[in-house]
């Protein structure tokens, strides 16, 4: 799966979970750039990503996620 496809799917997950249909993620988007993306919602997002792609992240992997690109690459590497 291409990174652009993963980005598009993650964008939909983020929009749904954060109740923000106008949200448009970019590869360099970080939690600081998105209203409502706090530590609690971060873990909820991780859980939704794991369910959606039927994958699992280790705690170490989660701690290394600094932006949306890191998430996309991590998802891609597990597929």
PDB file of N, CA and C in Angstrom:
ATOM      1  N   UNK A   1       0.849  -1.177   0.000  1.00  0.00           N
ATOM      2  CA  UNK A   1       0.000   0.000   0.000  1.00  0.00           C
ATOM      3  C   UNK A   1       0.897   1.243   0.000  1.00  0.00           C
ATOM      4  N   UNK A   2       0.548   2.203  -0.814  1.00  0.00           N
ATOM      5  CA  UNK A   2       1.327   3.439  -0.920  1.00  0.00           C
ATOM      6  C   UNK A   2       1.099   4.343   0.295  1.00  0.00           C
ATOM      7  N   UNK A   3       2.105   5.144   0.616  1.00  0.00           N
ATOM      8  CA  UNK A   3       1.986   6.085   1.740  1.00  0.00           C
ATOM      9  C   UNK A   3       0.818   7.039   1.548  1.00  0.00           C
ATOM     10  N   UNK A   4       0.587   7.467   0.325  1.00  0.00           N
ATOM     11  CA  UNK A   4      -0.517   8.402   0.057  1.00  0.00           C
ATOM     12  C   UNK A   4      -1.872   7.763   0.369  1.00  0.00           C
ATOM     13  N   UNK A   5      -2.013   6.473   0.108  1.00  0.00           N
ATOM     14  CA  UNK A   5      -3.253   5.760   0.435  1.00  0.00           C
ATOM     15  C   UNK A   5      -3.433   5.654   1.946  1.00  0.00           C
ATOM     16  N   UNK A   6      -2.358   5.360   2.630  1.00  0.00           N
ATOM     17  CA  UNK A   6      -2.412   5.261   4.096  1.00  0.00           C
ATOM     18  C   UNK A   6      -2.757   6.625   4.681  1.00  0.00           C
ATOM     19  N   UNK A   7      -2.137   7.673   4.163  1.00  0.00           N
ATOM     20  CA  UNK A   7      -2.426   9.031   4.631  1.00  0.00           C
ATOM     21  C   UNK A   7      -3.905   9.348   4.480  1.00  0.00           C
ATOM     22  N   UNK A   8      -4.468   9.005   3.347  1.00  0.00           N
ATOM     23  CA  UNK A   8      -5.886   9.264   3.091  1.00  0.00           C
ATOM     24  C   UNK A   8      -6.773   8.522   4.089  1.00  0.00           C
ATOM     25  N   UNK A   9      -6.458   7.267   4.352  1.00  0.00           N
ATOM     26  CA  UNK A   9      -7.235   6.475   5.302  1.00  0.00           C
ATOM     27  C   UNK A   9      -7.066   6.996   6.732  1.00  0.00           C
ATOM     28  N   UNK A  10      -5.833   7.362   7.093  1.00  0.00           N
ATOM     29  CA  UNK A  10      -5.599   7.925   8.427  1.00  0.00           C
ATOM     30  C   UNK A  10      -6.362   9.227   8.594  1.00  0.00           C
ATOM     31  N   UNK A  11      -6.420  10.023   7.540  1.00  0.00           N
ATOM     32  CA  UNK A  11      -7.138  11.286   7.605  1.00  0.00           C
ATOM     33  C   UNK A  11      -8.604  11.048   7.981  1.00  0.00           C
ATOM     34  N   UNK A  12      -9.212  10.040   7.371  1.00  0.00           N
ATOM     35  CA  UNK A  12     -10.605   9.711   7.690  1.00  0.00           C
ATOM     36  C   UNK A  12     -10.761   9.247   9.132  1.00  0.00           C
ATOM     37  N   UNK A  13      -9.815   8.437   9.605  1.00  0.00           N
ATOM     38  CA  UNK A  13      -9.860   7.984  10.999  1.00  0.00           C
ATOM     39  C   UNK A  13      -9.729   9.161  11.962  1.00  0.00           C
ATOM     40  N   UNK A  14      -8.799  10.063  11.672  1.00  0.00           N
ATOM     41  CA  UNK A  14      -8.602  11.238  12.515  1.00  0.00           C
ATOM     42  C   UNK A  14      -9.850  12.116  12.509  1.00  0.00           C
ATOM     43  N   UNK A  15     -10.421  12.346  11.333  1.00  0.00           N
ATOM     44  CA  UNK A  15     -11.623  13.172  11.230  1.00  0.00           C
ATOM     45  C   UNK A  15     -12.743  12.602  12.092  1.00  0.00           C
ATOM     46  N   UNK A  16     -12.932  11.294  12.016  1.00  0.00           N
ATOM     47  CA  UNK A  16     -13.996  10.647  12.775  1.00  0.00           C
ATOM     48  C   UNK A  16     -13.737  10.730  14.280  1.00  0.00           C
ATOM     49  N   UNK A  17     -12.546  10.343  14.695  1.00  0.00           N
ATOM     50  CA  UNK A  17     -12.246  10.287  16.123  1.00  0.00           C
ATOM     51  C   UNK A  17     -12.203  11.677  16.766  1.00  0.00           C
ATOM     52  N   UNK A  18     -11.694  12.656  16.032  1.00  0.00           N
ATOM     53  CA  UNK A  18     -11.572  14.007  16.585  1.00  0.00           C
ATOM     54  C   UNK A  18     -12.781  14.879  16.248  1.00  0.00           C
ATOM     55  N   UNK A  19     -13.777  14.288  15.602  1.00  0.00           N
ATOM     56  CA  UNK A  19     -15.008  15.009  15.222  1.00  0.00           C
ATOM     57  C   UNK A  19     -14.696  16.306  14.484  1.00  0.00           C
ATOM     58  N   UNK A  20     -13.839  16.188  13.467  1.00  0.00           N
ATOM     59  CA  UNK A  20     -13.430  17.354  12.686  1.00  0.00           C
ATOM     60  C   UNK A  20     -13.346  16.962  11.208  1.00  0.00           C
ATOM     61  N   UNK A  21     -14.462  17.109  10.504  1.00  0.00           N
ATOM     62  CA  UNK A  21     -14.521  16.690   9.105  1.00  0.00           C
ATOM     63  C   UNK A  21     -13.674  17.556   8.179  1.00  0.00           C
ATOM     64  N   UNK A  22     -13.255  18.727   8.637  1.00  0.00           N
ATOM     65  CA  UNK A  22     -12.444  19.610   7.792  1.00  0.00           C
ATOM     66  C   UNK A  22     -10.942  19.365   7.971  1.00  0.00           C
ATOM     67  N   UNK A  23     -10.596  18.460   8.866  1.00  0.00           N
ATOM     68  CA  UNK A  23      -9.187  18.164   9.123  1.00  0.00           C
ATOM     69  C   UNK A  23      -8.522  17.584   7.882  1.00  0.00           C
ATOM     70  N   UNK A  24      -7.379  18.137   7.508  1.00  0.00           N
ATOM     71  CA  UNK A  24      -6.603  17.633   6.378  1.00  0.00           C
ATOM     72  C   UNK A  24      -5.177  17.374   6.853  1.00  0.00           C
ATOM     73  N   UNK A  25      -4.838  16.112   7.048  1.00  0.00           N
ATOM     74  CA  UNK A  25      -3.502  15.748   7.494  1.00  0.00           C
ATOM     75  C   UNK A  25      -2.499  15.867   6.358  1.00  0.00           C
ATOM     76  N   UNK A  26      -1.289  16.238   6.718  1.00  0.00           N
ATOM     77  CA  UNK A  26      -0.154  16.219   5.802  1.00  0.00           C
ATOM     78  C   UNK A  26       0.909  15.353   6.462  1.00  0.00           C
ATOM     79  N   UNK A  27       1.912  14.969   5.704  1.00  0.00           N
ATOM     80  CA  UNK A  27       2.947  14.090   6.255  1.00  0.00           C
ATOM     81  C   UNK A  27       3.654  14.716   7.453  1.00  0.00           C
ATOM     82  N   UNK A  28       3.817  16.040   7.447  1.00  0.00           N
ATOM     83  CA  UNK A  28       4.538  16.684   8.543  1.00  0.00           C
ATOM     84  C   UNK A  28       3.632  17.155   9.678  1.00  0.00           C
ATOM     85  N   UNK A  29       2.351  16.793   9.645  1.00  0.00           N
ATOM     86  CA  UNK A  29       1.418  17.170  10.705  1.00  0.00           C
ATOM     87  C   UNK A  29       1.813  16.480  12.008  1.00  0.00           C
ATOM     88  N   UNK A  30       1.817  17.264  13.087  1.00  0.00           N
ATOM     89  CA  UNK A  30       2.089  16.730  14.425  1.00  0.00           C
ATOM     90  C   UNK A  30       0.889  17.003  15.326  1.00  0.00           C
ATOM     91  N   UNK A  31       0.911  16.439  16.519  1.00  0.00           N
ATOM     92  CA  UNK A  31      -0.177  16.660  17.472  1.00  0.00           C
ATOM     93  C   UNK A  31      -0.351  18.141  17.792  1.00  0.00           C
ATOM     94  N   UNK A  32       0.728  18.890  17.784  1.00  0.00           N
ATOM     95  CA  UNK A  32       0.652  20.325  18.067  1.00  0.00           C
ATOM     96  C   UNK A  32      -0.153  21.086  17.025  1.00  0.00           C
ATOM     97  N   UNK A  33      -0.254  20.511  15.820  1.00  0.00           N
ATOM     98  CA  UNK A  33      -0.948  21.168  14.711  1.00  0.00           C
ATOM     99  C   UNK A  33      -2.457  20.917  14.703  1.00  0.00           C
ATOM    100  N   UNK A  34      -2.933  19.976  15.515  1.00  0.00           N
ATOM    101  CA  UNK A  34      -4.330  19.541  15.437  1.00  0.00           C
ATOM    102  C   UNK A  34      -5.022  19.725  16.787  1.00  0.00           C
ATOM    103  N   UNK A  35      -6.083  20.526  16.788  1.00  0.00           N
ATOM    104  CA  UNK A  35      -6.880  20.699  18.004  1.00  0.00           C
ATOM    105  C   UNK A  35      -7.481  19.367  18.418  1.00  0.00           C
ATOM    106  N   UNK A  36      -7.350  19.042  19.671  1.00  0.00           N
ATOM    107  CA  UNK A  36      -7.924  17.817  20.196  1.00  0.00           C
ATOM    108  C   UNK A  36      -7.016  16.603  20.153  1.00  0.00           C
ATOM    109  N   UNK A  37      -5.848  16.728  19.483  1.00  0.00           N
ATOM    110  CA  UNK A  37      -4.920  15.593  19.423  1.00  0.00           C
ATOM    111  C   UNK A  37      -4.005  15.675  20.641  1.00  0.00           C
ATOM    112  N   UNK A  38      -4.527  15.227  21.771  1.00  0.00           N
ATOM    113  CA  UNK A  38      -3.769  15.213  23.007  1.00  0.00           C
ATOM    114  C   UNK A  38      -3.316  13.776  23.292  1.00  0.00           C
ATOM    115  N   UNK A  39      -2.698  13.574  24.434  1.00  0.00           N
ATOM    116  CA  UNK A  39      -2.148  12.249  24.739  1.00  0.00           C
ATOM    117  C   UNK A  39      -3.239  11.181  24.835  1.00  0.00           C
ATOM    118  N   UNK A  40      -4.389  11.538  25.375  1.00  0.00           N
ATOM    119  CA  UNK A  40      -5.480  10.569  25.487  1.00  0.00           C
ATOM    120  C   UNK A  40      -6.010  10.199  24.102  1.00  0.00           C
ATOM    121  N   UNK A  41      -6.253  11.198  23.269  1.00  0.00           N
ATOM    122  CA  UNK A  41      -6.721  10.924  21.912  1.00  0.00           C
ATOM    123  C   UNK A  41      -5.649  10.251  21.064  1.00  0.00           C
ATOM    124  N   UNK A  42      -4.393  10.490  21.385  1.00  0.00           N
ATOM    125  CA  UNK A  42      -3.311   9.825  20.661  1.00  0.00           C
ATOM    126  C   UNK A  42      -3.438   8.312  20.818  1.00  0.00           C
ATOM    127  N   UNK A  43      -3.675   7.870  22.036  1.00  0.00           N
ATOM    128  CA  UNK A  43      -3.810   6.434  22.275  1.00  0.00           C
ATOM    129  C   UNK A  43      -5.084   5.886  21.631  1.00  0.00           C
ATOM    130  N   UNK A  44      -6.147   6.685  21.626  1.00  0.00           N
ATOM    131  CA  UNK A  44      -7.380   6.263  20.951  1.00  0.00           C
ATOM    132  C   UNK A  44      -7.141   6.146  19.443  1.00  0.00           C
ATOM    133  N   UNK A  45      -6.371   7.079  18.882  1.00  0.00           N
ATOM    134  CA  UNK A  45      -6.032   7.022  17.463  1.00  0.00           C
ATOM    135  C   UNK A  45      -5.208   5.776  17.149  1.00  0.00           C
ATOM    136  N   UNK A  46      -4.233   5.490  17.992  1.00  0.00           N
ATOM    137  CA  UNK A  46      -3.402   4.295  17.805  1.00  0.00           C
ATOM    138  C   UNK A  46      -4.280   3.045  17.812  1.00  0.00           C
ATOM    139  N   UNK A  47      -5.203   2.978  18.752  1.00  0.00           N
ATOM    140  CA  UNK A  47      -6.106   1.825  18.848  1.00  0.00           C
ATOM    141  C   UNK A  47      -6.948   1.688  17.582  1.00  0.00           C
ATOM    142  N   UNK A  48      -7.476   2.803  17.089  1.00  0.00           N
ATOM    143  CA  UNK A  48      -8.277   2.764  15.865  1.00  0.00           C
ATOM    144  C   UNK A  48      -7.442   2.354  14.655  1.00  0.00           C
ATOM    145  N   UNK A  49      -6.217   2.835  14.586  1.00  0.00           N
ATOM    146  CA  UNK A  49      -5.316   2.458  13.490  1.00  0.00           C
ATOM    147  C   UNK A  49      -5.029   0.962  13.548  1.00  0.00           C
ATOM    148  N   UNK A  50      -4.763   0.455  14.740  1.00  0.00           N
ATOM    149  CA  UNK A  50      -4.495  -0.977  14.899  1.00  0.00           C
ATOM    150  C   UNK A  50      -5.703  -1.817  14.464  1.00  0.00           C
ATOM    151  N   UNK A  51      -6.894  -1.389  14.854  1.00  0.00           N
ATOM    152  CA  UNK A  51      -8.106  -2.114  14.469  1.00  0.00           C
ATOM    153  C   UNK A  51      -8.307  -2.064  12.954  1.00  0.00           C
ATOM    154  N   UNK A  52      -8.160  -0.873  12.388  1.00  0.00           N
ATOM    155  CA  UNK A  52      -8.407  -0.673  10.964  1.00  0.00           C
ATOM    156  C   UNK A  52      -7.485  -1.537  10.101  1.00  0.00           C
ATOM    157  N   UNK A  53      -6.218  -1.556  10.444  1.00  0.00           N
ATOM    158  CA  UNK A  53      -5.236  -2.279   9.638  1.00  0.00           C
ATOM    159  C   UNK A  53      -4.934  -3.684  10.161  1.00  0.00           C
ATOM    160  N   UNK A  54      -5.550  -4.041  11.300  1.00  0.00           N
ATOM    161  CA  UNK A  54      -5.313  -5.356  11.917  1.00  0.00           C
ATOM    162  C   UNK A  54      -3.817  -5.576  12.176  1.00  0.00           C
ATOM    163  N   UNK A  55      -3.225  -4.570  12.821  1.00  0.00           N
ATOM    164  CA  UNK A  55      -1.806  -4.603  13.176  1.00  0.00           C
ATOM    165  C   UNK A  55      -1.674  -4.275  14.656  1.00  0.00           C
ATOM    166  N   UNK A  56      -0.462  -4.401  15.182  1.00  0.00           N
ATOM    167  CA  UNK A  56      -0.167  -4.029  16.571  1.00  0.00           C
ATOM    168  C   UNK A  56       1.122  -3.229  16.610  1.00  0.00           C
ATOM    169  N   UNK A  57       1.113  -2.169  17.399  1.00  0.00           N
ATOM    170  CA  UNK A  57       2.317  -1.378  17.644  1.00  0.00           C
ATOM    171  C   UNK A  57       2.860  -1.732  19.021  1.00  0.00           C
ATOM    172  N   UNK A  58       4.171  -1.760  19.138  1.00  0.00           N
ATOM    173  CA  UNK A  58       4.783  -1.901  20.460  1.00  0.00           C
ATOM    174  C   UNK A  58       4.822  -0.525  21.113  1.00  0.00           C
ATOM    175  N   UNK A  59       5.012  -0.495  22.405  1.00  0.00           N
ATOM    176  CA  UNK A  59       5.129   0.781  23.102  1.00  0.00           C
ATOM    177  C   UNK A  59       6.306   1.583  22.549  1.00  0.00           C
ATOM    178  N   UNK A  60       7.388   0.900  22.262  1.00  0.00           N
ATOM    179  CA  UNK A  60       8.577   1.558  21.703  1.00  0.00           C
ATOM    180  C   UNK A  60       8.253   2.219  20.366  1.00  0.00           C
ATOM    181  N   UNK A  61       7.500   1.524  19.517  1.00  0.00           N
ATOM    182  CA  UNK A  61       7.102   2.093  18.227  1.00  0.00           C
ATOM    183  C   UNK A  61       6.209   3.318  18.416  1.00  0.00           C
ATOM    184  N   UNK A  62       5.273   3.221  19.338  1.00  0.00           N
ATOM    185  CA  UNK A  62       4.362   4.346  19.601  1.00  0.00           C
ATOM    186  C   UNK A  62       5.140   5.566  20.066  1.00  0.00           C
ATOM    187  N   UNK A  63       6.130   5.352  20.913  1.00  0.00           N
ATOM    188  CA  UNK A  63       6.926   6.461  21.446  1.00  0.00           C
ATOM    189  C   UNK A  63       7.758   7.156  20.355  1.00  0.00           C
ATOM    190  N   UNK A  64       8.066   6.439  19.276  1.00  0.00           N
ATOM    191  CA  UNK A  64       8.867   7.001  18.190  1.00  0.00           C
ATOM    192  C   UNK A  64       8.041   7.792  17.175  1.00  0.00           C
ATOM    193  N   UNK A  65       6.719   7.715  17.263  1.00  0.00           N
ATOM    194  CA  UNK A  65       5.864   8.407  16.290  1.00  0.00           C
ATOM    195  C   UNK A  65       5.857   9.910  16.573  1.00  0.00           C
ATOM    196  N   UNK A  66       6.488  10.670  15.706  1.00  0.00           N
ATOM    197  CA  UNK A  66       6.593  12.117  15.907  1.00  0.00           C
ATOM    198  C   UNK A  66       5.649  12.916  15.027  1.00  0.00           C
ATOM    199  N   UNK A  67       5.226  12.325  13.894  1.00  0.00           N
ATOM    200  CA  UNK A  67       4.319  13.026  12.985  1.00  0.00           C
ATOM    201  C   UNK A  67       3.529  11.993  12.178  1.00  0.00           C
ATOM    202  N   UNK A  68       2.672  12.483  11.308  1.00  0.00           N
ATOM    203  CA  UNK A  68       1.819  11.603  10.517  1.00  0.00           C
ATOM    204  C   UNK A  68       2.644  10.725   9.579  1.00  0.00           C
ATOM    205  N   UNK A  69       3.726  11.260   9.042  1.00  0.00           N
ATOM    206  CA  UNK A  69       4.583  10.456   8.166  1.00  0.00           C
ATOM    207  C   UNK A  69       5.124   9.233   8.901  1.00  0.00           C
ATOM    208  N   UNK A  70       5.544   9.414  10.157  1.00  0.00           N
ATOM    209  CA  UNK A  70       6.022   8.285  10.952  1.00  0.00           C
ATOM    210  C   UNK A  70       4.925   7.230  11.099  1.00  0.00           C
ATOM    211  N   UNK A  71       3.678   7.690  11.316  1.00  0.00           N
ATOM    212  CA  UNK A  71       2.568   6.753  11.432  1.00  0.00           C
ATOM    213  C   UNK A  71       2.361   5.997  10.136  1.00  0.00           C
ATOM    214  N   UNK A  72       2.355   6.720   9.030  1.00  0.00           N
ATOM    215  CA  UNK A  72       2.150   6.087   7.721  1.00  0.00           C
ATOM    216  C   UNK A  72       3.223   5.048   7.440  1.00  0.00           C
ATOM    217  N   UNK A  73       4.462   5.414   7.690  1.00  0.00           N
ATOM    218  CA  UNK A  73       5.575   4.479   7.435  1.00  0.00           C
ATOM    219  C   UNK A  73       5.504   3.267   8.343  1.00  0.00           C
ATOM    220  N   UNK A  74       5.101   3.483   9.574  1.00  0.00           N
ATOM    221  CA  UNK A  74       4.993   2.383  10.522  1.00  0.00           C
ATOM    222  C   UNK A  74       3.886   1.416  10.096  1.00  0.00           C
ATOM    223  N   UNK A  75       2.746   1.965   9.682  1.00  0.00           N
ATOM    224  CA  UNK A  75       1.658   1.136   9.173  1.00  0.00           C
ATOM    225  C   UNK A  75       2.129   0.367   7.944  1.00  0.00           C
ATOM    226  N   UNK A  76       2.767   1.056   7.024  1.00  0.00           N
ATOM    227  CA  UNK A  76       3.237   0.431   5.787  1.00  0.00           C
ATOM    228  C   UNK A  76       4.195  -0.724   6.073  1.00  0.00           C
ATOM    229  N   UNK A  77       5.076  -0.531   7.042  1.00  0.00           N
ATOM    230  CA  UNK A  77       6.072  -1.574   7.357  1.00  0.00           C
ATOM    231  C   UNK A  77       5.432  -2.832   7.951  1.00  0.00           C
ATOM    232  N   UNK A  78       4.236  -2.705   8.513  1.00  0.00           N
ATOM    233  CA  UNK A  78       3.569  -3.834   9.135  1.00  0.00           C
ATOM    234  C   UNK A  78       2.607  -4.554   8.198  1.00  0.00           C
ATOM    235  N   UNK A  79       2.468  -4.057   6.988  1.00  0.00           N
ATOM    236  CA  UNK A  79       1.525  -4.668   6.047  1.00  0.00           C
ATOM    237  C   UNK A  79       2.242  -5.618   5.106  1.00  0.00           C
TER     238      UNK A  79
END
